[in-house]
Amino acid sequence: MKKMSRSILMGILMFSSCLVFSQSIFGKWKTIDDRTGKPKALISIYEKDGLMYGHVVDILEKGKENFLCHKCDGDK
C-alpha cells in the first residue's frame, strides 16, 4: 500500500510540473528556417472574439524585408 501511495504521489508531482512550465500560444513568436536554422519572421498570435489569429509582424530574412505575398487575399 505504501509503494502504491508513493507511485500515485510521484505521478501527481510529475503531471503538475508539466502544467507549471506550459506556455501560452498567445504573444510574439520567432519562426526559424528548418534548413538554415536562421530566424525568418516574427509573428503575433492573438485572440479576438473567441478565435485565434496570427499575422506577420516583421520579416527577418535579409533581402525579403518588404516581400508581399501575391497569392494571398486581403490587405498586403
Protein backbone atom coordinates (compact mmCIF):
# COMPACT_ATOMS: atom_id res chain seq x y z
CA MET A 1 0.00 0.00 0.00
CA LYS A 2 2.85 2.36 0.85
CA LYS A 3 4.52 1.67 -2.53
CA MET A 4 1.26 2.40 -4.37
CA SER A 5 0.82 5.69 -2.48
CA ARG A 6 4.34 6.76 -3.45
CA SER A 7 3.67 5.90 -7.10
CA ILE A 8 0.47 7.94 -7.12
CA LEU A 9 2.21 10.88 -5.44
CA MET A 10 5.08 10.76 -7.95
CA GLY A 11 2.60 10.68 -10.83
CA ILE A 12 0.76 13.72 -9.47
CA LEU A 13 4.02 15.62 -8.98
CA MET A 14 5.23 14.80 -12.48
CA PHE A 15 1.92 15.84 -14.04
CA SER A 16 1.70 19.09 -12.07
CA SER A 17 5.26 20.05 -13.02
CA CYS A 18 4.26 19.86 -16.69
CA LEU A 19 1.44 22.30 -16.04
CA VAL A 20 3.73 24.79 -14.33
CA PHE A 21 6.03 25.06 -17.34
CA SER A 22 3.33 25.15 -20.02
CA GLN A 23 3.47 28.19 -22.26
CA SER A 24 0.65 30.20 -23.76
CA ILE A 25 0.44 30.27 -27.54
CA PHE A 26 -0.51 33.94 -27.48
CA GLY A 27 2.19 36.57 -27.98
CA LYS A 28 5.05 37.13 -30.38
CA TRP A 29 6.97 34.18 -31.82
CA LYS A 30 10.07 33.93 -33.99
CA THR A 31 9.95 31.41 -36.83
CA ILE A 32 13.16 29.53 -37.64
CA ASP A 33 14.10 28.12 -41.06
CA ASP A 34 14.38 24.31 -40.84
CA ARG A 35 17.26 24.14 -43.34
CA THR A 36 19.45 27.06 -42.25
CA GLY A 37 18.45 27.41 -38.60
CA LYS A 38 18.21 31.19 -39.08
CA PRO A 39 15.26 33.35 -37.99
CA LYS A 40 12.73 34.01 -40.78
CA ALA A 41 9.94 36.11 -39.30
CA LEU A 42 8.36 37.50 -36.17
CA ILE A 43 4.68 36.61 -35.90
CA SER A 44 1.99 37.61 -33.44
CA ILE A 45 -0.68 35.17 -32.24
CA TYR A 46 -3.71 36.77 -30.58
CA GLU A 47 -7.31 36.06 -29.61
CA LYS A 48 -10.30 38.09 -30.76
CA ASP A 49 -13.95 37.17 -30.19
CA GLY A 50 -13.01 33.67 -29.05
CA LEU A 51 -10.93 32.89 -32.17
CA MET A 52 -7.16 32.73 -32.60
CA TYR A 53 -5.44 34.83 -35.24
CA GLY A 54 -1.89 35.35 -36.38
CA HIS A 55 -0.11 37.88 -38.51
CA VAL A 56 3.44 38.58 -39.61
CA VAL A 57 4.88 41.47 -37.60
CA ASP A 58 8.32 41.56 -39.20
CA ILE A 59 10.27 39.62 -41.83
CA LEU A 60 13.78 38.95 -40.55
CA GLU A 61 15.38 37.46 -43.69
CA LYS A 62 17.87 39.77 -45.38
CA GLY A 63 16.59 40.95 -48.77
CA LYS A 64 12.97 39.93 -48.09
CA GLU A 65 12.04 42.65 -45.58
CA ASN A 66 9.46 44.21 -47.96
CA PHE A 67 8.20 40.97 -49.52
CA LEU A 68 4.48 40.86 -50.38
CA CYS A 69 2.53 37.65 -50.92
CA HIS A 70 0.75 37.89 -54.27
CA LYS A 71 -1.11 34.60 -53.71
CA CYS A 72 -2.85 35.89 -50.56
CA ASP A 73 -6.20 37.66 -50.37
CA GLY A 74 -6.79 40.75 -48.24
CA ASP A 75 -4.51 43.54 -47.09
CA LYS A 76 -0.89 43.28 -48.06
